[in-house]
C-alpha atoms as a PDB file:
ATOM      1  CA  UNK A   1      52.757 -39.271  80.093  1.00  0.00           C
ATOM      2  CA  UNK A   2      54.766 -36.048  80.391  1.00  0.00           C
ATOM      3  CA  UNK A   3      57.647 -36.027  82.862  1.00  0.00           C
ATOM      4  CA  UNK A   4      57.398 -32.509  84.210  1.00  0.00           C
ATOM      5  CA  UNK A   5      60.543 -30.866  85.628  1.00  0.00           C
ATOM      6  CA  UNK A   6      60.831 -29.713  89.228  1.00  0.00           C
ATOM      7  CA  UNK A   7      59.635 -26.122  89.685  1.00  0.00           C
ATOM      8  CA  UNK A   8      60.997 -24.144  92.632  1.00  0.00           C
ATOM      9  CA  UNK A   9      58.524 -21.479  93.761  1.00  0.00           C
ATOM     10  CA  UNK A  10      60.095 -18.596  95.686  1.00  0.00           C
ATOM     11  CA  UNK A  11      57.908 -16.454  97.957  1.00  0.00           C
ATOM     12  CA  UNK A  12      59.449 -13.466  99.763  1.00  0.00           C
ATOM     13  CA  UNK A  13      57.410 -12.468 102.828  1.00  0.00           C
ATOM     14  CA  UNK A  14      57.556  -9.461 105.094  1.00  0.00           C
ATOM     15  CA  UNK A  15      54.682  -9.256 107.587  1.00  0.00           C
ATOM     16  CA  UNK A  16      52.347 -10.867 105.083  1.00  0.00           C
ATOM     17  CA  UNK A  17      50.119 -12.904 107.394  1.00  0.00           C
ATOM     18  CA  UNK A  18      47.003 -11.266 105.910  1.00  0.00           C
ATOM     19  CA  UNK A  19      47.683 -12.784 102.494  1.00  0.00           C
ATOM     20  CA  UNK A  20      49.977 -15.761 103.058  1.00  0.00           C
ATOM     21  CA  UNK A  21      47.462 -18.608 103.228  1.00  0.00           C
ATOM     22  CA  UNK A  22      45.646 -17.498 100.077  1.00  0.00           C
ATOM     23  CA  UNK A  23      48.943 -17.275  98.186  1.00  0.00           C
ATOM     24  CA  UNK A  24      49.953 -20.769  99.308  1.00  0.00           C
ATOM     25  CA  UNK A  25      46.551 -22.199  98.409  1.00  0.00           C
ATOM     26  CA  UNK A  26      46.779 -20.709  94.914  1.00  0.00           C
ATOM     27  CA  UNK A  27      50.004 -22.710  94.506  1.00  0.00           C
ATOM     28  CA  UNK A  28      48.412 -25.865  95.890  1.00  0.00           C
ATOM     29  CA  UNK A  29      45.527 -25.501  93.430  1.00  0.00           C
ATOM     30  CA  UNK A  30      47.973 -25.687  90.533  1.00  0.00           C
ATOM     31  CA  UNK A  31      47.997 -29.467  91.012  1.00  0.00           C
ATOM     32  CA  UNK A  32      51.494 -29.460  89.550  1.00  0.00           C
ATOM     33  CA  UNK A  33      54.157 -32.008  90.434  1.00  0.00           C
ATOM     34  CA  UNK A  34      57.039 -32.015  91.218  1.00  0.00           C
ATOM     35  CA  UNK A  35      57.059 -28.764  93.186  1.00  0.00           C
ATOM     36  CA  UNK A  36      59.364 -27.124  95.715  1.00  0.00           C
ATOM     37  CA  UNK A  37      58.007 -24.225  97.810  1.00  0.00           C
ATOM     38  CA  UNK A  38      60.590 -21.869  99.334  1.00  0.00           C
ATOM     39  CA  UNK A  39      59.371 -19.120 101.656  1.00  0.00           C
ATOM     40  CA  UNK A  40      61.959 -16.524 102.598  1.00  0.00           C
ATOM     41  CA  UNK A  41      60.750 -14.635 105.663  1.00  0.00           C
ATOM     42  CA  UNK A  42      62.449 -11.249 105.379  1.00  0.00           C
ATOM     43  CA  UNK A  43      62.383 -10.308 109.051  1.00  0.00           C
ATOM     44  CA  UNK A  44      58.623 -10.574 109.722  1.00  0.00           C
ATOM     45  CA  UNK A  45      57.328  -9.729 113.192  1.00  0.00           C
ATOM     46  CA  UNK A  46      53.787 -11.059 112.660  1.00  0.00           C
ATOM     47  CA  UNK A  47      52.448 -14.636 112.566  1.00  0.00           C
ATOM     48  CA  UNK A  48      54.138 -15.621 109.300  1.00  0.00           C
ATOM     49  CA  UNK A  49      56.246 -18.335 110.964  1.00  0.00           C
ATOM     50  CA  UNK A  50      53.207 -19.891 112.702  1.00  0.00           C
ATOM     51  CA  UNK A  51      51.232 -20.013 109.466  1.00  0.00           C
ATOM     52  CA  UNK A  52      54.099 -21.704 107.653  1.00  0.00           C
ATOM     53  CA  UNK A  53      54.530 -24.214 110.474  1.00  0.00           C
ATOM     54  CA  UNK A  54      50.887 -25.295 110.046  1.00  0.00           C
ATOM     55  CA  UNK A  55      51.757 -26.613 106.566  1.00  0.00           C
ATOM     56  CA  UNK A  56      54.341 -29.077 107.875  1.00  0.00           C
ATOM     57  CA  UNK A  57      57.170 -30.223 105.627  1.00  0.00           C
ATOM     58  CA  UNK A  58      55.419 -29.064 102.450  1.00  0.00           C
ATOM     59  CA  UNK A  59      57.324 -25.759 102.627  1.00  0.00           C
ATOM     60  CA  UNK A  60      61.019 -24.959 102.937  1.00  0.00           C
ATOM     61  CA  UNK A  61      61.019 -21.990 105.332  1.00  0.00           C
ATOM     62  CA  UNK A  62      63.971 -19.663 105.936  1.00  0.00           C
ATOM     63  CA  UNK A  63      64.008 -16.613 108.210  1.00  0.00           C
ATOM     64  CA  UNK A  64      66.497 -13.798 107.659  1.00  0.00           C
ATOM     65  CA  UNK A  65      67.005 -10.251 108.889  1.00  0.00           C
ATOM     66  CA  UNK A  66      65.135  -7.704 106.807  1.00  0.00           C
ATOM     67  CA  UNK A  67      67.114  -7.009 103.648  1.00  0.00           C
ATOM     68  CA  UNK A  68      64.421  -6.266 101.063  1.00  0.00           C
ATOM     69  CA  UNK A  69      62.537  -8.335  98.470  1.00  0.00           C
ATOM     70  CA  UNK A  70      65.433  -8.621  96.018  1.00  0.00           C
ATOM     71  CA  UNK A  71      67.689 -10.091  98.711  1.00  0.00           C
ATOM     72  CA  UNK A  72      64.921 -12.494  99.759  1.00  0.00           C
ATOM     73  CA  UNK A  73      64.426 -13.675  96.189  1.00  0.00           C
ATOM     74  CA  UNK A  74      68.173 -14.128  95.732  1.00  0.00           C
ATOM     75  CA  UNK A  75      68.277 -16.231  98.891  1.00  0.00           C
ATOM     76  CA  UNK A  76      65.515 -18.373  97.461  1.00  0.00           C
ATOM     77  CA  UNK A  77      67.361 -18.751  94.166  1.00  0.00           C
ATOM     78  CA  UNK A  78      70.479 -19.902  95.995  1.00  0.00           C
ATOM     79  CA  UNK A  79      68.446 -22.615  97.737  1.00  0.00           C
ATOM     80  CA  UNK A  80      66.341 -23.689  94.758  1.00  0.00           C
ATOM     81  CA  UNK A  81      66.810 -27.237  93.471  1.00  0.00           C
ATOM     82  CA  UNK A  82      64.446 -26.980  90.510  1.00  0.00           C
ATOM     83  CA  UNK A  83      65.325 -26.811  86.847  1.00  0.00           C
ATOM     84  CA  UNK A  84      62.607 -24.151  86.582  1.00  0.00           C
ATOM     85  CA  UNK A  85      61.915 -21.136  88.801  1.00  0.00           C
ATOM     86  CA  UNK A  86      58.695 -19.258  89.564  1.00  0.00           C
ATOM     87  CA  UNK A  87      58.080 -16.304  91.875  1.00  0.00           C
ATOM     88  CA  UNK A  88      54.974 -15.306  93.788  1.00  0.00           C
ATOM     89  CA  UNK A  89      54.626 -12.243  95.996  1.00  0.00           C
ATOM     90  CA  UNK A  90      52.725 -12.988  99.188  1.00  0.00           C
ATOM     91  CA  UNK A  91      49.894 -10.571  98.322  1.00  0.00           C
ATOM     92  CA  UNK A  92      49.362 -11.938  94.802  1.00  0.00           C
ATOM     93  CA  UNK A  93      47.736 -15.088  93.427  1.00  0.00           C
ATOM     94  CA  UNK A  94      48.172 -17.504  90.541  1.00  0.00           C
ATOM     95  CA  UNK A  95      45.219 -18.492  88.353  1.00  0.00           C
ATOM     96  CA  UNK A  96      44.578 -22.227  88.118  1.00  0.00           C
ATOM     97  CA  UNK A  97      46.654 -23.972  85.467  1.00  0.00           C
ATOM     98  CA  UNK A  98      49.322 -21.263  85.269  1.00  0.00           C
ATOM     99  CA  UNK A  99      52.282 -23.551  85.957  1.00  0.00           C
ATOM    100  CA  UNK A 100      51.271 -26.336  83.585  1.00  0.00           C
ATOM    101  CA  UNK A 101      50.575 -23.826  80.799  1.00  0.00           C
ATOM    102  CA  UNK A 102      53.959 -22.128  81.065  1.00  0.00           C
ATOM    103  CA  UNK A 103      56.022 -25.238  81.787  1.00  0.00           C
ATOM    104  CA  UNK A 104      54.559 -27.012  78.757  1.00  0.00           C
ATOM    105  CA  UNK A 105      55.530 -24.051  76.593  1.00  0.00           C
ATOM    106  CA  UNK A 106      59.110 -24.256  77.853  1.00  0.00           C
ATOM    107  CA  UNK A 107      59.144 -27.995  77.161  1.00  0.00           C
ATOM    108  CA  UNK A 108      57.754 -27.379  73.673  1.00  0.00           C
ATOM    109  CA  UNK A 109      60.520 -24.900  72.817  1.00  0.00           C
ATOM    110  CA  UNK A 110      63.902 -25.718  74.438  1.00  0.00           C
ATOM    111  CA  UNK A 111      65.321 -22.427  73.106  1.00  0.00           C
ATOM    112  CA  UNK A 112      63.010 -20.376  75.298  1.00  0.00           C
ATOM    113  CA  UNK A 113      64.431 -19.137  78.604  1.00  0.00           C
ATOM    114  CA  UNK A 114      61.367 -17.332  79.982  1.00  0.00           C
ATOM    115  CA  UNK A 115      57.610 -17.669  79.461  1.00  0.00           C
ATOM    116  CA  UNK A 116      55.583 -14.699  80.707  1.00  0.00           C
ATOM    117  CA  UNK A 117      51.872 -13.943  80.594  1.00  0.00           C
ATOM    118  CA  UNK A 118      49.359 -11.231  81.262  1.00  0.00           C
ATOM    119  CA  UNK A 119      48.672  -9.669  84.647  1.00  0.00           C
ATOM    120  CA  UNK A 120      45.141  -9.243  85.959  1.00  0.00           C
ATOM    121  CA  UNK A 121      44.643  -6.443  88.489  1.00  0.00           C
ATOM    122  CA  UNK A 122      42.156  -6.768  91.351  1.00  0.00           C
ATOM    123  CA  UNK A 123      41.411  -3.933  93.786  1.00  0.00           C
ATOM    124  CA  UNK A 124      40.857  -5.137  97.335  1.00  0.00           C
ATOM    125  CA  UNK A 125      38.362  -3.453  99.659  1.00  0.00           C
ATOM    126  CA  UNK A 126      39.653  -0.125 100.912  1.00  0.00           C
ATOM    127  CA  UNK A 127      42.366   0.188  98.289  1.00  0.00           C
ATOM    128  CA  UNK A 128      43.016   3.585  96.753  1.00  0.00           C
ATOM    129  CA  UNK A 129      41.614   3.489  93.220  1.00  0.00           C
ATOM    130  CA  UNK A 130      44.157   3.742  90.421  1.00  0.00           C
ATOM    131  CA  UNK A 131      43.415   4.864  86.879  1.00  0.00           C
ATOM    132  CA  UNK A 132      45.144   2.163  84.856  1.00  0.00           C
ATOM    133  CA  UNK A 133      44.867   1.886  81.035  1.00  0.00           C
ATOM    134  CA  UNK A 134      43.867  -1.790  80.925  1.00  0.00           C
ATOM    135  CA  UNK A 135      44.053  -3.795  77.713  1.00  0.00           C
ATOM    136  CA  UNK A 136      40.839  -5.727  78.274  1.00  0.00           C
ATOM    137  CA  UNK A 137      37.564  -5.811  80.199  1.00  0.00           C
ATOM    138  CA  UNK A 138      39.199  -8.382  82.492  1.00  0.00           C
ATOM    139  CA  UNK A 139      41.564  -5.597  83.695  1.00  0.00           C
ATOM    140  CA  UNK A 140      44.667  -7.218  82.291  1.00  0.00           C
ATOM    141  CA  UNK A 141      47.966  -5.717  81.221  1.00  0.00           C
ATOM    142  CA  UNK A 142      51.143  -6.868  79.576  1.00  0.00           C
ATOM    143  CA  UNK A 143      53.711  -5.864  82.158  1.00  0.00           C
ATOM    144  CA  UNK A 144      57.089  -6.671  83.638  1.00  0.00           C
ATOM    145  CA  UNK A 145      56.560  -8.636  86.833  1.00  0.00           C
ATOM    146  CA  UNK A 146      58.553 -11.592  88.089  1.00  0.00           C
ATOM    147  CA  UNK A 147      55.384 -13.309  89.295  1.00  0.00           C
ATOM    148  CA  UNK A 148      53.842 -13.671  85.830  1.00  0.00           C
ATOM    149  CA  UNK A 149      56.698 -15.806  84.502  1.00  0.00           C
ATOM    150  CA  UNK A 150      58.348 -19.215  84.667  1.00  0.00           C
ATOM    151  CA  UNK A 151      62.129 -19.206  84.168  1.00  0.00           C
ATOM    152  CA  UNK A 152      64.827 -21.703  83.422  1.00  0.00           C
ATOM    153  CA  UNK A 153      67.165 -21.542  86.404  1.00  0.00           C
ATOM    154  CA  UNK A 154      70.120 -21.368  84.013  1.00  0.00           C
ATOM    155  CA  UNK A 155      68.982 -17.917  82.820  1.00  0.00           C
ATOM    156  CA  UNK A 156      70.091 -16.428  86.140  1.00  0.00           C
ATOM    157  CA  UNK A 157      73.643 -17.574  85.377  1.00  0.00           C
ATOM    158  CA  UNK A 158      73.526 -15.481  82.193  1.00  0.00           C
ATOM    159  CA  UNK A 159      71.718 -12.415  83.519  1.00  0.00           C
ATOM    160  CA  UNK A 160      72.872 -12.461  87.136  1.00  0.00           C
ATOM    161  CA  UNK A 161      70.911 -12.153  90.326  1.00  0.00           C
ATOM    162  CA  UNK A 162      68.527  -9.371  91.356  1.00  0.00           C
ATOM    163  CA  UNK A 163      70.064  -6.066  92.434  1.00  0.00           C
ATOM    164  CA  UNK A 164      69.696  -5.996  96.219  1.00  0.00           C
ATOM    165  CA  UNK A 165      70.324  -2.245  96.329  1.00  0.00           C
ATOM    166  CA  UNK A 166      66.894  -1.754  94.720  1.00  0.00           C
ATOM    167  CA  UNK A 167      63.896  -2.078  97.019  1.00  0.00           C
ATOM    168  CA  UNK A 168      61.600  -1.263  94.091  1.00  0.00           C
ATOM    169  CA  UNK A 169      62.148  -1.743  90.331  1.00  0.00           C
ATOM    170  CA  UNK A 170      64.605  -4.616  90.790  1.00  0.00           C
ATOM    171  CA  UNK A 171      62.359  -6.683  88.512  1.00  0.00           C
ATOM    172  CA  UNK A 172      62.460  -4.038  85.750  1.00  0.00           C
ATOM    173  CA  UNK A 173      66.230  -3.840  86.194  1.00  0.00           C
ATOM    174  CA  UNK A 174      66.579  -7.616  85.838  1.00  0.00           C
ATOM    175  CA  UNK A 175      64.424  -7.759  82.711  1.00  0.00           C
ATOM    176  CA  UNK A 176      66.393  -4.936  81.113  1.00  0.00           C
ATOM    177  CA  UNK A 177      69.608  -6.831  81.785  1.00  0.00           C
ATOM    178  CA  UNK A 178      68.008  -9.967  80.350  1.00  0.00           C
ATOM    179  CA  UNK A 179      67.210  -8.141  77.127  1.00  0.00           C
ATOM    180  CA  UNK A 180      70.753  -6.777  76.937  1.00  0.00           C
ATOM    181  CA  UNK A 181      72.105 -10.349  76.735  1.00  0.00           C
ATOM    182  CA  UNK A 182      69.366 -11.378  74.277  1.00  0.00           C
ATOM    183  CA  UNK A 183      67.518 -13.802  76.520  1.00  0.00           C
ATOM    184  CA  UNK A 184      64.786 -15.654  74.647  1.00  0.00           C
ATOM    185  CA  UNK A 185      61.323 -14.972  76.059  1.00  0.00           C
ATOM    186  CA  UNK A 186      57.678 -14.887  75.066  1.00  0.00           C
ATOM    187  CA  UNK A 187      54.526 -13.305  76.520  1.00  0.00           C
ATOM    188  CA  UNK A 188      51.430 -15.495  76.320  1.00  0.00           C
ATOM    189  CA  UNK A 189      47.947 -14.122  75.783  1.00  0.00           C
ATOM    190  CA  UNK A 190      46.701 -15.925  78.896  1.00  0.00           C
ATOM    191  CA  UNK A 191      46.649 -14.415  82.386  1.00  0.00           C
ATOM    192  CA  UNK A 192      49.394 -15.893  84.570  1.00  0.00           C
ATOM    193  CA  UNK A 193      49.309 -13.571  87.598  1.00  0.00           C
ATOM    194  CA  UNK A 194      46.583 -11.937  89.687  1.00  0.00           C
ATOM    195  CA  UNK A 195      48.001  -8.723  91.124  1.00  0.00           C
ATOM    196  CA  UNK A 196      46.037  -7.536  94.126  1.00  0.00           C
ATOM    197  CA  UNK A 197      45.963  -3.783  94.747  1.00  0.00           C
ATOM    198  CA  UNK A 198      45.857  -2.667  98.375  1.00  0.00           C
ATOM    199  CA  UNK A 199      47.134   0.278 100.362  1.00  0.00           C
ATOM    200  CA  UNK A 200      50.251  -1.535 101.571  1.00  0.00           C
ATOM    201  CA  UNK A 201      51.678  -2.306  98.114  1.00  0.00           C
ATOM    202  CA  UNK A 202      55.315  -1.254  97.890  1.00  0.00           C
ATOM    203  CA  UNK A 203      54.500   0.523  94.638  1.00  0.00           C
ATOM    204  CA  UNK A 204      52.042   2.838  96.411  1.00  0.00           C
ATOM    205  CA  UNK A 205      55.032   5.145  96.954  1.00  0.00           C
ATOM    206  CA  UNK A 206      55.071   6.382  93.367  1.00  0.00           C
ATOM    207  CA  UNK A 207      57.684   9.098  93.971  1.00  0.00           C
ATOM    208  CA  UNK A 208      60.177   6.556  95.273  1.00  0.00           C
ATOM    209  CA  UNK A 209      59.260   4.101  92.522  1.00  0.00           C
ATOM    210  CA  UNK A 210      59.814   6.658  89.778  1.00  0.00           C
ATOM    211  CA  UNK A 211      63.171   7.710  91.222  1.00  0.00           C
ATOM    212  CA  UNK A 212      64.350   4.081  91.306  1.00  0.00           C
ATOM    213  CA  UNK A 213      62.972   3.289  87.849  1.00  0.00           C
ATOM    214  CA  UNK A 214      64.654   6.356  86.341  1.00  0.00           C
ATOM    215  CA  UNK A 215      68.021   5.232  87.688  1.00  0.00           C
ATOM    216  CA  UNK A 216      67.412   1.690  86.403  1.00  0.00           C
ATOM    217  CA  UNK A 217      66.641   2.917  82.869  1.00  0.00           C
ATOM    218  CA  UNK A 218      69.641   5.254  82.872  1.00  0.00           C
ATOM    219  CA  UNK A 219      71.994   2.414  83.830  1.00  0.00           C
ATOM    220  CA  UNK A 220      70.523   0.204  81.128  1.00  0.00           C
ATOM    221  CA  UNK A 221      71.042   2.891  78.482  1.00  0.00           C
ATOM    222  CA  UNK A 222      74.647   3.310  79.593  1.00  0.00           C
ATOM    223  CA  UNK A 223      75.270  -0.444  79.397  1.00  0.00           C
ATOM    224  CA  UNK A 224      73.649  -0.678  75.967  1.00  0.00           C
ATOM    225  CA  UNK A 225      75.824   2.169  74.716  1.00  0.00           C
ATOM    226  CA  UNK A 226      78.987   0.466  75.968  1.00  0.00           C
ATOM    227  CA  UNK A 227      77.920  -2.829  74.411  1.00  0.00           C
ATOM    228  CA  UNK A 228      77.108  -1.160  71.097  1.00  0.00           C
ATOM    229  CA  UNK A 229      73.506  -2.275  71.241  1.00  0.00           C
ATOM    230  CA  UNK A 230      70.773  -0.545  69.305  1.00  0.00           C
ATOM    231  CA  UNK A 231      67.622   1.083  70.594  1.00  0.00           C
ATOM    232  CA  UNK A 232      65.606  -0.985  73.039  1.00  0.00           C
ATOM    233  CA  UNK A 233      62.625  -2.606  71.313  1.00  0.00           C
ATOM    234  CA  UNK A 234      59.034  -2.723  72.515  1.00  0.00           C
ATOM    235  CA  UNK A 235      57.599  -5.404  74.788  1.00  0.00           C
ATOM    236  CA  UNK A 236      55.161  -6.161  71.986  1.00  0.00           C
ATOM    237  CA  UNK A 237      58.104  -7.810  70.203  1.00  0.00           C
ATOM    238  CA  UNK A 238      57.670 -10.712  72.636  1.00  0.00           C
ATOM    239  CA  UNK A 239      53.872 -10.658  72.824  1.00  0.00           C
ATOM    240  CA  UNK A 240      52.194 -13.556  71.026  1.00  0.00           C
ATOM    241  CA  UNK A 241      48.820 -11.806  71.060  1.00  0.00           C
ATOM    242  CA  UNK A 242      50.229  -8.799  69.187  1.00  0.00           C
ATOM    243  CA  UNK A 243      52.504 -10.528  66.722  1.00  0.00           C
ATOM    244  CA  UNK A 244      51.335 -10.579  63.112  1.00  0.00           C
ATOM    245  CA  UNK A 245      52.913 -13.376  61.042  1.00  0.00           C
ATOM    246  CA  UNK A 246      54.462 -12.239  57.754  1.00  0.00           C
ATOM    247  CA  UNK A 247      52.503 -12.844  54.566  1.00  0.00           C
ATOM    248  CA  UNK A 248      53.036 -16.315  53.133  1.00  0.00           C
ATOM    249  CA  UNK A 249      54.233 -17.768  56.436  1.00  0.00           C
ATOM    250  CA  UNK A 250      52.946 -21.328  56.437  1.00  0.00           C
ATOM    251  CA  UNK A 251      54.501 -22.323  59.746  1.00  0.00           C
ATOM    252  CA  UNK A 252      52.067 -23.991  62.104  1.00  0.00           C
ATOM    253  CA  UNK A 253      51.352 -21.877  65.191  1.00  0.00           C
ATOM    254  CA  UNK A 254      52.049 -23.326  68.607  1.00  0.00           C
ATOM    255  CA  UNK A 255      48.971 -25.133  69.899  1.00  0.00           C
ATOM    256  CA  UNK A 256      48.303 -25.436  73.604  1.00  0.00           C
END
């Protein structure tokens, strides 16, 4: 019998009553133990607190003044007791089996710090349609999103916390910093996050997003130059589905 490590799941919430119960149920359906659920209420004025209270002691709930999603996630990280960390935005979902799949991969390879997966996009009723170049008929993409991964908590000691000055693109910033210190990660071929598109997504403000992302990339390039690092590689370097083993490689592939 496998002794699974404690996973701390961090959920930042700001007026997310519309989605909160579905997000929590997608965690419950993981049937993973041991599990710690930390909800950081980032100044909500809706019924978030009442919904959380209905779950009893199953959830560690903290309310703070509105400071943005990065600050909420950092608060959760400071409280987390688990050896492993996972994030879920209140308007997203996890597919069944996500935690077991990614945790087992981390257990299989102690050198890995992060196990990511693919993101499946789902448009909710009334959402503005986006033209997205999906990789499959299931509308999946290989992308940078905190919610598609499981992380060793120790990796945040190496990389640092999320930049609270960034309301958007703080996840891209963190992953760039992770790559600058050569964090070991892999992207699985399986879907590990269901990203729900609606008209209240933070990333609907594309002008603001692009301005933040441009600054994030510029800072990363400056840091890489100071550190004497070479050109940033492609995300496909970490993608198991796109890796082609060299000729004559007789190493057994990882089997799930």
